[in-house]
Every structure is written in structure tokens, then in C-alpha cells.
Protein backbone atom coordinates (compact mmCIF):
# COMPACT_ATOMS: atom_id res chain seq x y z
CA UNK A 1 -54.01 152.98 246.66
CA UNK A 2 -51.56 153.22 244.29
CA UNK A 3 -52.54 154.38 240.63
CA UNK A 4 -51.70 151.89 238.63
CA UNK A 5 -48.68 151.99 236.23
CA UNK A 6 -48.92 153.38 232.59
CA UNK A 7 -47.43 150.90 229.73
CA UNK A 8 -44.14 152.05 228.33
CA UNK A 9 -45.54 152.18 224.67
CA UNK A 10 -47.62 155.20 225.82
CA UNK A 11 -44.97 157.04 227.12
CA UNK A 12 -42.99 156.75 223.96
CA UNK A 13 -45.98 157.92 221.46
CA UNK A 14 -47.33 161.23 223.59
CA UNK A 15 -46.01 165.27 223.21
CA UNK A 16 -42.85 164.91 224.77
CA UNK A 17 -41.73 161.64 223.16
CA UNK A 18 -42.17 163.34 219.85
CA UNK A 19 -40.61 166.63 220.48
CA UNK A 20 -37.67 164.19 221.90
CA UNK A 21 -37.39 162.19 218.47
CA UNK A 22 -37.48 165.98 216.77
CA UNK A 23 -34.88 167.19 218.73
CA UNK A 24 -32.47 164.11 217.81
CA UNK A 25 -33.36 164.52 213.88
CA UNK A 26 -32.57 168.19 214.10
CA UNK A 27 -29.53 167.01 216.25
CA UNK A 28 -28.61 164.29 213.71
CA UNK A 29 -28.99 166.38 210.77
CA UNK A 30 -26.52 169.08 212.39
CA UNK A 31 -24.28 166.80 212.22
CA UNK A 32 -24.47 165.86 209.09
CA UNK A 33 -24.47 169.30 207.64
CA UNK A 34 -21.24 170.31 209.86
CA UNK A 35 -19.97 166.65 208.40
CA UNK A 36 -20.37 168.08 204.95
CA UNK A 37 -19.21 171.86 205.33
CA UNK A 38 -15.97 170.00 207.20
CA UNK A 39 -15.15 167.42 204.15
CA UNK A 40 -16.50 169.96 201.77
CA UNK A 41 -13.49 172.50 203.28
CA UNK A 42 -11.02 169.71 203.44
CA UNK A 43 -11.74 168.39 199.54
CA UNK A 44 -11.29 172.21 198.39
CA UNK A 45 -7.54 172.37 200.32
CA UNK A 46 -6.83 168.95 199.17
CA UNK A 47 -8.31 166.57 196.42
CA UNK A 48 -6.84 163.15 197.07
CA UNK A 49 -8.57 161.91 194.17
CA UNK A 50 -10.02 158.15 193.55
CA UNK A 51 -10.48 156.70 197.30
CA UNK A 52 -12.06 153.28 196.26
CA UNK A 53 -9.67 151.13 196.28
CA UNK A 54 -11.46 148.82 193.75
CA UNK A 55 -12.11 152.22 191.63
CA UNK A 56 -8.52 152.72 192.21
CA UNK A 57 -7.27 149.22 190.92
CA UNK A 58 -9.27 148.12 188.41
CA UNK A 59 -10.77 151.05 187.58
CA UNK A 60 -14.55 149.50 188.33
CA UNK A 61 -16.03 151.86 190.78
CA UNK A 62 -18.51 150.00 193.82
CA UNK A 63 -21.87 150.51 194.85
CA UNK A 64 -20.23 153.23 197.25
CA UNK A 65 -18.43 155.13 195.28
CA UNK A 66 -19.97 158.81 194.88
CA UNK A 67 -20.81 158.94 198.26
CA UNK A 68 -17.81 161.42 199.28
CA UNK A 69 -18.58 163.18 195.84
CA UNK A 70 -22.51 163.72 197.86
CA UNK A 71 -21.00 164.74 201.01
CA UNK A 72 -18.86 167.27 199.44
CA UNK A 73 -21.73 168.31 196.65
CA UNK A 74 -23.77 169.17 199.77
CA UNK A 75 -20.90 170.97 201.64
CA UNK A 76 -21.14 173.22 198.52
CA UNK A 77 -24.88 173.04 198.40
CA UNK A 78 -25.49 171.76 195.00
CA UNK A 79 -28.07 169.32 195.80
CA UNK A 80 -28.84 168.15 192.33
CA UNK A 81 -24.55 167.44 191.78
CA UNK A 82 -25.18 165.31 195.44
CA UNK A 83 -28.11 163.17 194.32
CA UNK A 84 -26.18 162.62 190.59
CA UNK A 85 -23.72 161.24 192.75
CA UNK A 86 -25.04 158.35 193.98
CA UNK A 87 -28.74 158.74 194.82
CA UNK A 88 -28.89 155.56 197.13
CA UNK A 89 -26.21 157.18 199.60
CA UNK A 90 -28.70 160.44 199.65
CA UNK A 91 -31.64 158.41 200.50
CA UNK A 92 -29.80 155.85 202.99
CA UNK A 93 -28.65 159.19 205.15
CA UNK A 94 -31.64 160.81 204.75
CA UNK A 95 -32.88 157.75 206.21
CA UNK A 96 -30.53 157.35 209.29
CA UNK A 97 -30.85 160.89 209.55
CA UNK A 98 -34.49 160.65 210.49
CA UNK A 99 -35.04 157.70 212.09
CA UNK A 100 -35.97 158.60 215.38
CA UNK A 101 -39.03 159.45 213.27
CA UNK A 102 -40.32 156.62 213.21
CA UNK A 103 -38.50 155.05 209.94
CA UNK A 104 -36.04 153.20 212.74
CA UNK A 105 -39.06 151.03 214.21
CA UNK A 106 -40.29 150.38 210.72
CA UNK A 107 -36.95 148.57 209.54
CA UNK A 108 -36.75 146.85 212.42
CA UNK A 109 -40.57 145.78 212.01
CA UNK A 110 -39.36 144.08 208.54
CA UNK A 111 -38.21 140.41 208.54
CA UNK A 112 -34.22 139.80 208.28
CA UNK A 113 -34.98 138.72 204.93
CA UNK A 114 -36.98 141.37 203.81
CA UNK A 115 -33.80 143.74 205.36
CA UNK A 116 -31.43 141.95 203.42
CA UNK A 117 -33.71 142.19 199.87
CA UNK A 118 -33.85 146.07 200.51
CA UNK A 119 -29.76 145.98 201.08
CA UNK A 120 -29.28 143.99 198.33
CA UNK A 121 -31.50 145.73 195.53
CA UNK A 122 -30.20 149.24 196.94
CA UNK A 123 -26.53 147.51 196.33
CA UNK A 124 -27.35 146.68 192.73
CA UNK A 125 -29.02 150.42 191.78
CA UNK A 126 -26.47 152.06 193.35
CA UNK A 127 -23.55 149.60 191.78
CA UNK A 128 -25.53 149.94 188.31
CA UNK A 129 -25.69 153.32 188.34
CA UNK A 130 -22.25 153.90 189.52
CA UNK A 131 -21.61 151.96 186.46
CA UNK A 132 -23.48 153.82 183.89
CA UNK A 133 -22.24 157.13 185.60
CA UNK A 134 -18.40 156.55 184.97
CA UNK A 135 -19.12 154.75 181.51
CA UNK A 136 -18.11 151.53 182.70
CA UNK A 137 -19.67 148.81 180.11
CA UNK A 138 -20.97 146.01 181.39
CA UNK A 139 -20.01 143.63 178.34
């Protein structure tokens, strides 16, 4: 007689799966660190100025403004300045980097409405942060 097949879920929760998740996370972190170092070096040699088309044309920042600055500051090792540039981007990058450790499964377990609410709230917080950081009045 053959042994019964184990469920697929049991194979994903063992020590091999944990090592695989840690390896994926380490790989993602290494790639992000390399990208941050490259962006910082590129910025040191050639500062393109404001990259956001909305901010360049209207002077009003978008919710993603400061995201490039996050990578430049992280590449220089200035962690507080990176967080100050756009904390929502920092949180989003950390969530993406650590997704193999279980956060990705928790994200997809949320309903589409819950995910949309979280994304919308994050964009609103990021936009108000940028308006305040860059001194753009809401009146």
C-alpha cells in the first residue's frame, strides 16, 4: 500500500518553507538595498530635480512625492530622512519586502473592500504628509 498524500498546506508550513520564505525576503532586501545604493549614487552625480509631473506643473505634490527621496536617503544611510520624506512609502516597501514571511497571505485574505480602504487611507495620509512637508496650504 502507498502512503497517503500529505495536504499541500502542510508542506508550506514546515521548516523548509520557513527557510524558503527567509531566503526570498533576504533576496528582496538585497535587491532593494542595491537599488537604493544605485539611486543614491546616480543622484550624487546627476540631480534631476523634481520628478513628479503633477508637482512640476502645478506645485502640488502627489501622494507618491518623496518616494525617490526615500531611496536616495536610504542609499546614503540617512534612515530618519528617508522616513521623513514619505513614511507611507517606507511602510509599503517594508510590507513588500517581508511579504514572503506571511504578510502577503494576510493581505490577500482581506476582502477587496478592506484592501481598497487601506490603500485609499494610505494615499490620503501620504498626500496630507506631502502637503505639510512641502508647505502647500490646503486653503
